[in-house]
Amino acid sequence: MNSDKELLELAARAANMGKLDFDYPEREGHGWHMGPRLPMPTGVLMAAMHSYWNPDTDDGDNRRLQVALKISLDWHKDMWTASHYVDGVLTDADHTDPKMAILLVAAEIGKSMKEGV
């Protein structure tokens, strides 16, 4: 993966969340960047109804990603191992930060999916 942005985009694709909005702060002119915004839900009129998505730093977002993708997490030899096994294919990643291990596996799942899926 080339960047944190790409990592988040691929993880969002894996979770079927839609395209993330990374340019919101610049467009709105406030300059605060608290993470990418989720796509606006259908039927919602106010842009303020968007919410930020930070599975790399937010425990709740990370846990929801883990559950949605059925990623298991194990501790072994000073490392966290996140694993996803489906249809005979194992995707796993090791990291000292459990949130990062989950995000890496989610991004690998997203990378294996076709654009727009």
N, C-alpha and C. Protein backbone atom coordinates (compact mmCIF):
# COMPACT_ATOMS: atom_id res chain seq x y z
N MET A 1 0.84 -1.17 0.00
CA MET A 1 0.00 0.00 0.00
C MET A 1 0.88 1.24 0.00
N ASN A 2 0.47 2.24 -0.75
CA ASN A 2 1.29 3.42 -0.92
C ASN A 2 1.11 4.45 0.18
N SER A 3 -0.07 4.54 0.79
CA SER A 3 -0.30 5.60 1.77
C SER A 3 -1.41 5.21 2.73
N ASP A 4 -1.52 6.02 3.79
CA ASP A 4 -2.61 5.81 4.74
C ASP A 4 -3.96 6.00 4.04
N LYS A 5 -4.02 6.95 3.11
CA LYS A 5 -5.25 7.21 2.37
C LYS A 5 -5.66 5.97 1.57
N GLU A 6 -4.70 5.37 0.88
CA GLU A 6 -5.00 4.17 0.09
C GLU A 6 -5.44 3.03 1.00
N LEU A 7 -4.78 2.89 2.14
CA LEU A 7 -5.13 1.85 3.11
C LEU A 7 -6.60 2.01 3.54
N LEU A 8 -7.00 3.23 3.88
CA LEU A 8 -8.38 3.48 4.29
C LEU A 8 -9.37 3.26 3.15
N GLU A 9 -9.00 3.69 1.94
CA GLU A 9 -9.89 3.50 0.78
C GLU A 9 -10.13 2.02 0.51
N LEU A 10 -9.07 1.22 0.57
CA LEU A 10 -9.21 -0.22 0.33
C LEU A 10 -10.02 -0.90 1.42
N ALA A 11 -9.81 -0.50 2.67
CA ALA A 11 -10.57 -1.08 3.78
C ALA A 11 -12.05 -0.71 3.64
N ALA A 12 -12.34 0.52 3.24
CA ALA A 12 -13.73 0.93 3.03
C ALA A 12 -14.37 0.14 1.90
N ARG A 13 -13.60 -0.13 0.85
CA ARG A 13 -14.11 -0.95 -0.26
C ARG A 13 -14.45 -2.34 0.24
N ALA A 14 -13.57 -2.93 1.06
CA ALA A 14 -13.81 -4.27 1.59
C ALA A 14 -15.09 -4.33 2.42
N ALA A 15 -15.37 -3.24 3.14
CA ALA A 15 -16.56 -3.19 3.98
C ALA A 15 -17.79 -2.66 3.24
N ASN A 16 -17.65 -2.46 1.91
CA ASN A 16 -18.76 -1.97 1.08
C ASN A 16 -19.33 -0.65 1.60
N MET A 17 -18.45 0.26 1.99
CA MET A 17 -18.87 1.53 2.57
C MET A 17 -19.04 2.64 1.55
N GLY A 18 -18.56 2.47 0.36
CA GLY A 18 -18.62 3.55 -0.62
C GLY A 18 -17.34 4.37 -0.58
N LYS A 19 -17.27 5.34 -1.48
CA LYS A 19 -16.07 6.17 -1.61
C LYS A 19 -15.97 7.15 -0.44
N LEU A 20 -14.80 7.21 0.16
CA LEU A 20 -14.56 8.13 1.27
C LEU A 20 -14.28 9.53 0.75
N ASP A 21 -14.64 10.53 1.52
CA ASP A 21 -14.44 11.94 1.16
C ASP A 21 -13.27 12.49 1.98
N PHE A 22 -12.10 12.59 1.35
CA PHE A 22 -10.91 13.10 2.01
C PHE A 22 -10.77 14.62 1.86
N ASP A 23 -11.52 15.22 0.96
CA ASP A 23 -11.35 16.63 0.63
C ASP A 23 -12.33 17.56 1.33
N TYR A 24 -13.14 17.04 2.21
CA TYR A 24 -14.16 17.85 2.87
C TYR A 24 -13.59 19.08 3.58
N PRO A 25 -12.54 18.98 4.40
CA PRO A 25 -12.05 20.17 5.09
C PRO A 25 -11.63 21.29 4.14
N GLU A 26 -10.98 20.93 3.06
CA GLU A 26 -10.54 21.93 2.10
C GLU A 26 -11.73 22.59 1.40
N ARG A 27 -12.71 21.78 1.01
CA ARG A 27 -13.91 22.31 0.35
C ARG A 27 -14.68 23.25 1.25
N GLU A 28 -14.78 22.89 2.52
CA GLU A 28 -15.55 23.69 3.47
C GLU A 28 -14.74 24.87 4.01
N GLY A 29 -13.44 24.85 3.82
CA GLY A 29 -12.60 25.97 4.22
C GLY A 29 -12.24 26.04 5.69
N HIS A 30 -12.55 24.99 6.48
CA HIS A 30 -12.20 25.07 7.89
C HIS A 30 -10.83 24.45 8.19
N GLY A 31 -10.33 23.62 7.30
CA GLY A 31 -8.98 23.07 7.46
C GLY A 31 -8.82 22.00 8.51
N TRP A 32 -9.86 21.67 9.26
CA TRP A 32 -9.75 20.61 10.26
C TRP A 32 -9.83 19.27 9.57
N HIS A 33 -8.89 18.44 9.84
CA HIS A 33 -8.94 17.10 9.25
C HIS A 33 -9.02 16.09 10.37
N MET A 34 -10.17 15.46 10.48
CA MET A 34 -10.37 14.47 11.53
C MET A 34 -10.57 13.10 10.92
N GLY A 35 -10.14 12.93 9.68
CA GLY A 35 -10.31 11.66 9.00
C GLY A 35 -11.25 11.81 7.83
N PRO A 36 -11.31 10.80 6.99
CA PRO A 36 -12.21 10.86 5.85
C PRO A 36 -13.66 10.77 6.31
N ARG A 37 -14.53 11.41 5.56
CA ARG A 37 -15.95 11.33 5.87
C ARG A 37 -16.56 10.18 5.10
N LEU A 38 -17.54 9.57 5.72
CA LEU A 38 -18.28 8.51 5.07
C LEU A 38 -19.21 9.12 4.03
N PRO A 39 -19.61 8.36 3.03
CA PRO A 39 -20.56 8.88 2.04
C PRO A 39 -21.86 9.31 2.74
N MET A 40 -22.49 10.35 2.20
CA MET A 40 -23.74 10.83 2.79
C MET A 40 -24.85 9.80 2.56
N PRO A 41 -25.57 9.43 3.61
CA PRO A 41 -26.67 8.49 3.44
C PRO A 41 -27.74 9.07 2.53
N THR A 42 -28.41 8.23 1.78
CA THR A 42 -29.49 8.65 0.90
C THR A 42 -30.61 9.30 1.71
N GLY A 43 -31.11 10.43 1.24
CA GLY A 43 -32.22 11.09 1.91
C GLY A 43 -31.81 12.07 2.98
N VAL A 44 -30.53 12.18 3.29
CA VAL A 44 -30.06 13.12 4.30
C VAL A 44 -29.68 14.41 3.60
N LEU A 45 -30.22 15.52 4.07
CA LEU A 45 -30.02 16.79 3.39
C LEU A 45 -28.81 17.58 3.90
N MET A 46 -28.46 17.43 5.14
CA MET A 46 -27.40 18.25 5.72
C MET A 46 -26.04 17.56 5.61
N ALA A 47 -25.05 18.30 5.13
CA ALA A 47 -23.70 17.76 5.05
C ALA A 47 -23.16 17.42 6.44
N ALA A 48 -23.66 18.11 7.45
CA ALA A 48 -23.19 17.86 8.82
C ALA A 48 -23.57 16.46 9.30
N MET A 49 -24.44 15.79 8.57
CA MET A 49 -24.81 14.45 8.96
C MET A 49 -23.74 13.42 8.60
N HIS A 50 -22.75 13.84 7.84
CA HIS A 50 -21.63 12.95 7.56
C HIS A 50 -20.94 12.61 8.87
N SER A 51 -20.30 11.48 8.93
CA SER A 51 -19.48 11.19 10.10
C SER A 51 -18.09 10.78 9.62
N TYR A 52 -17.12 11.02 10.47
CA TYR A 52 -15.75 10.67 10.14
C TYR A 52 -15.53 9.18 10.40
N TRP A 53 -14.62 8.59 9.66
CA TRP A 53 -14.32 7.16 9.80
C TRP A 53 -12.82 7.02 10.01
N ASN A 54 -12.44 6.53 11.16
CA ASN A 54 -11.02 6.41 11.52
C ASN A 54 -10.71 5.05 12.13
N PRO A 55 -10.79 3.98 11.36
CA PRO A 55 -10.50 2.66 11.94
C PRO A 55 -9.03 2.49 12.32
N ASP A 56 -8.19 3.41 11.86
CA ASP A 56 -6.78 3.35 12.24
C ASP A 56 -6.54 3.94 13.62
N THR A 57 -7.44 4.79 14.12
CA THR A 57 -7.26 5.40 15.43
C THR A 57 -8.45 5.21 16.37
N ASP A 58 -9.64 5.02 15.82
CA ASP A 58 -10.86 4.92 16.62
C ASP A 58 -11.18 3.45 16.90
N ASP A 59 -11.21 3.09 18.19
CA ASP A 59 -11.47 1.70 18.58
C ASP A 59 -12.81 1.19 18.08
N GLY A 60 -13.85 2.03 18.16
CA GLY A 60 -15.19 1.61 17.73
C GLY A 60 -15.25 1.35 16.24
N ASP A 61 -14.69 2.27 15.44
CA ASP A 61 -14.67 2.08 13.99
C ASP A 61 -13.87 0.83 13.62
N ASN A 62 -12.77 0.62 14.32
CA ASN A 62 -11.93 -0.53 14.04
C ASN A 62 -12.66 -1.83 14.38
N ARG A 63 -13.32 -1.85 15.52
CA ARG A 63 -14.06 -3.06 15.94
C ARG A 63 -15.21 -3.36 14.97
N ARG A 64 -15.92 -2.31 14.52
CA ARG A 64 -17.01 -2.54 13.56
C ARG A 64 -16.46 -3.09 12.24
N LEU A 65 -15.29 -2.61 11.82
CA LEU A 65 -14.65 -3.13 10.61
C LEU A 65 -14.28 -4.60 10.80
N GLN A 66 -13.71 -4.91 11.95
CA GLN A 66 -13.32 -6.29 12.26
C GLN A 66 -14.53 -7.22 12.22
N VAL A 67 -15.63 -6.82 12.83
CA VAL A 67 -16.83 -7.65 12.88
C VAL A 67 -17.45 -7.78 11.49
N ALA A 68 -17.55 -6.66 10.77
CA ALA A 68 -18.18 -6.68 9.44
C ALA A 68 -17.46 -7.63 8.49
N LEU A 69 -16.13 -7.69 8.61
CA LEU A 69 -15.35 -8.53 7.70
C LEU A 69 -14.99 -9.89 8.30
N LYS A 70 -15.45 -10.13 9.53
CA LYS A 70 -15.17 -11.41 10.22
C LYS A 70 -13.67 -11.68 10.29
N ILE A 71 -12.94 -10.69 10.79
CA ILE A 71 -11.50 -10.79 10.96
C ILE A 71 -11.21 -11.25 12.38
N SER A 72 -10.44 -12.32 12.51
CA SER A 72 -10.06 -12.78 13.85
C SER A 72 -8.76 -12.09 14.25
N LEU A 73 -8.54 -12.00 15.56
CA LEU A 73 -7.36 -11.31 16.08
C LEU A 73 -6.75 -12.15 17.18
N ASP A 74 -5.46 -12.44 17.06
CA ASP A 74 -4.75 -13.25 18.05
C ASP A 74 -3.43 -12.58 18.43
N TRP A 75 -3.01 -12.81 19.68
CA TRP A 75 -1.74 -12.30 20.18
C TRP A 75 -0.76 -13.46 20.23
N HIS A 76 0.43 -13.29 19.63
CA HIS A 76 1.42 -14.36 19.62
C HIS A 76 2.81 -13.75 19.47
N LYS A 77 3.68 -14.06 20.40
CA LYS A 77 5.08 -13.63 20.33
C LYS A 77 5.22 -12.13 20.10
N ASP A 78 4.59 -11.34 20.95
CA ASP A 78 4.71 -9.88 20.92
C ASP A 78 4.13 -9.24 19.66
N MET A 79 3.24 -9.92 18.96
CA MET A 79 2.60 -9.38 17.77
C MET A 79 1.13 -9.75 17.76
N TRP A 80 0.34 -8.88 17.15
CA TRP A 80 -1.05 -9.18 16.89
C TRP A 80 -1.14 -9.73 15.48
N THR A 81 -1.89 -10.80 15.31
CA THR A 81 -2.14 -11.36 13.99
C THR A 81 -3.63 -11.27 13.69
N ALA A 82 -3.95 -10.54 12.66
CA ALA A 82 -5.33 -10.46 12.19
C ALA A 82 -5.46 -11.41 11.01
N SER A 83 -6.56 -12.16 10.97
CA SER A 83 -6.75 -13.17 9.92
C SER A 83 -8.17 -13.15 9.39
N HIS A 84 -8.27 -13.39 8.11
CA HIS A 84 -9.56 -13.51 7.43
C HIS A 84 -9.46 -14.74 6.53
N TYR A 85 -10.37 -15.69 6.73
CA TYR A 85 -10.33 -16.93 5.94
C TYR A 85 -11.70 -17.14 5.32
N VAL A 86 -11.75 -17.14 4.00
CA VAL A 86 -13.01 -17.37 3.32
C VAL A 86 -12.73 -18.07 1.99
N ASP A 87 -13.55 -19.04 1.67
CA ASP A 87 -13.45 -19.78 0.41
C ASP A 87 -12.03 -20.30 0.15
N GLY A 88 -11.40 -20.80 1.20
CA GLY A 88 -10.07 -21.39 1.05
C GLY A 88 -8.94 -20.39 0.92
N VAL A 89 -9.23 -19.10 1.07
CA VAL A 89 -8.19 -18.07 0.94
C VAL A 89 -7.95 -17.43 2.30
N LEU A 90 -6.71 -17.46 2.75
CA LEU A 90 -6.31 -16.85 4.02
C LEU A 90 -5.64 -15.51 3.73
N THR A 91 -6.11 -14.47 4.39
CA THR A 91 -5.46 -13.16 4.36
C THR A 91 -5.11 -12.83 5.79
N ASP A 92 -3.83 -12.55 6.05
CA ASP A 92 -3.45 -12.22 7.42
C ASP A 92 -2.36 -11.15 7.43
N ALA A 93 -2.21 -10.53 8.59
CA ALA A 93 -1.19 -9.50 8.78
C ALA A 93 -0.78 -9.47 10.23
N ASP A 94 0.49 -9.22 10.46
CA ASP A 94 1.03 -9.08 11.81
C ASP A 94 1.40 -7.62 12.06
N HIS A 95 1.14 -7.15 13.28
CA HIS A 95 1.53 -5.79 13.64
C HIS A 95 1.52 -5.69 15.16
N THR A 96 2.29 -4.76 15.69
CA THR A 96 2.30 -4.56 17.14
C THR A 96 1.04 -3.84 17.62
N ASP A 97 0.36 -3.14 16.72
CA ASP A 97 -0.89 -2.44 17.03
C ASP A 97 -2.05 -3.26 16.48
N PRO A 98 -2.97 -3.72 17.33
CA PRO A 98 -4.06 -4.57 16.84
C PRO A 98 -4.95 -3.86 15.81
N LYS A 99 -5.18 -2.55 16.00
CA LYS A 99 -6.00 -1.82 15.03
C LYS A 99 -5.35 -1.82 13.66
N MET A 100 -4.04 -1.67 13.63
CA MET A 100 -3.32 -1.65 12.36
C MET A 100 -3.33 -3.02 11.69
N ALA A 101 -3.22 -4.08 12.47
CA ALA A 101 -3.28 -5.44 11.90
C ALA A 101 -4.64 -5.66 11.23
N ILE A 102 -5.71 -5.24 11.88
CA ILE A 102 -7.05 -5.39 11.31
C ILE A 102 -7.18 -4.55 10.04
N LEU A 103 -6.70 -3.31 10.09
CA LEU A 103 -6.79 -2.42 8.93
C LEU A 103 -5.99 -2.97 7.75
N LEU A 104 -4.84 -3.55 8.01
CA LEU A 104 -4.02 -4.13 6.93
C LEU A 104 -4.74 -5.29 6.26
N VAL A 105 -5.38 -6.15 7.05
CA VAL A 105 -6.12 -7.27 6.46
C VAL A 105 -7.31 -6.75 5.67
N ALA A 106 -8.03 -5.78 6.23
CA ALA A 106 -9.17 -5.21 5.51
C ALA A 106 -8.74 -4.60 4.18
N ALA A 107 -7.61 -3.92 4.17
CA ALA A 107 -7.10 -3.32 2.93
C ALA A 107 -6.72 -4.39 1.91
N GLU A 108 -6.15 -5.49 2.37
CA GLU A 108 -5.81 -6.59 1.45
C GLU A 108 -7.07 -7.20 0.85
N ILE A 109 -8.12 -7.31 1.67
CA ILE A 109 -9.40 -7.81 1.16
C ILE A 109 -9.93 -6.84 0.11
N GLY A 110 -9.88 -5.56 0.41
CA GLY A 110 -10.33 -4.54 -0.54
C GLY A 110 -9.53 -4.54 -1.82
N LYS A 111 -8.23 -4.78 -1.71
CA LYS A 111 -7.37 -4.82 -2.90
C LYS A 111 -7.76 -5.96 -3.82
N SER A 112 -8.23 -7.06 -3.24
CA SER A 112 -8.59 -8.23 -4.05
C SER A 112 -9.97 -8.07 -4.72
N MET A 113 -10.72 -7.06 -4.29
CA MET A 113 -12.06 -6.83 -4.86
C MET A 113 -11.95 -5.92 -6.07
N LYS A 114 -12.91 -6.06 -6.95
CA LYS A 114 -12.96 -5.18 -8.13
C LYS A 114 -13.42 -3.79 -7.72
N GLU A 115 -12.94 -2.78 -8.44
CA GLU A 115 -13.36 -1.38 -8.22
C GLU A 115 -14.89 -1.29 -8.32
N GLY A 116 -15.49 -0.56 -7.39
CA GLY A 116 -16.93 -0.35 -7.43
C GLY A 116 -17.74 -1.43 -6.76
N VAL A 117 -17.08 -2.47 -6.26
CA VAL A 117 -17.81 -3.56 -5.58
C VAL A 117 -18.00 -3.20 -4.14
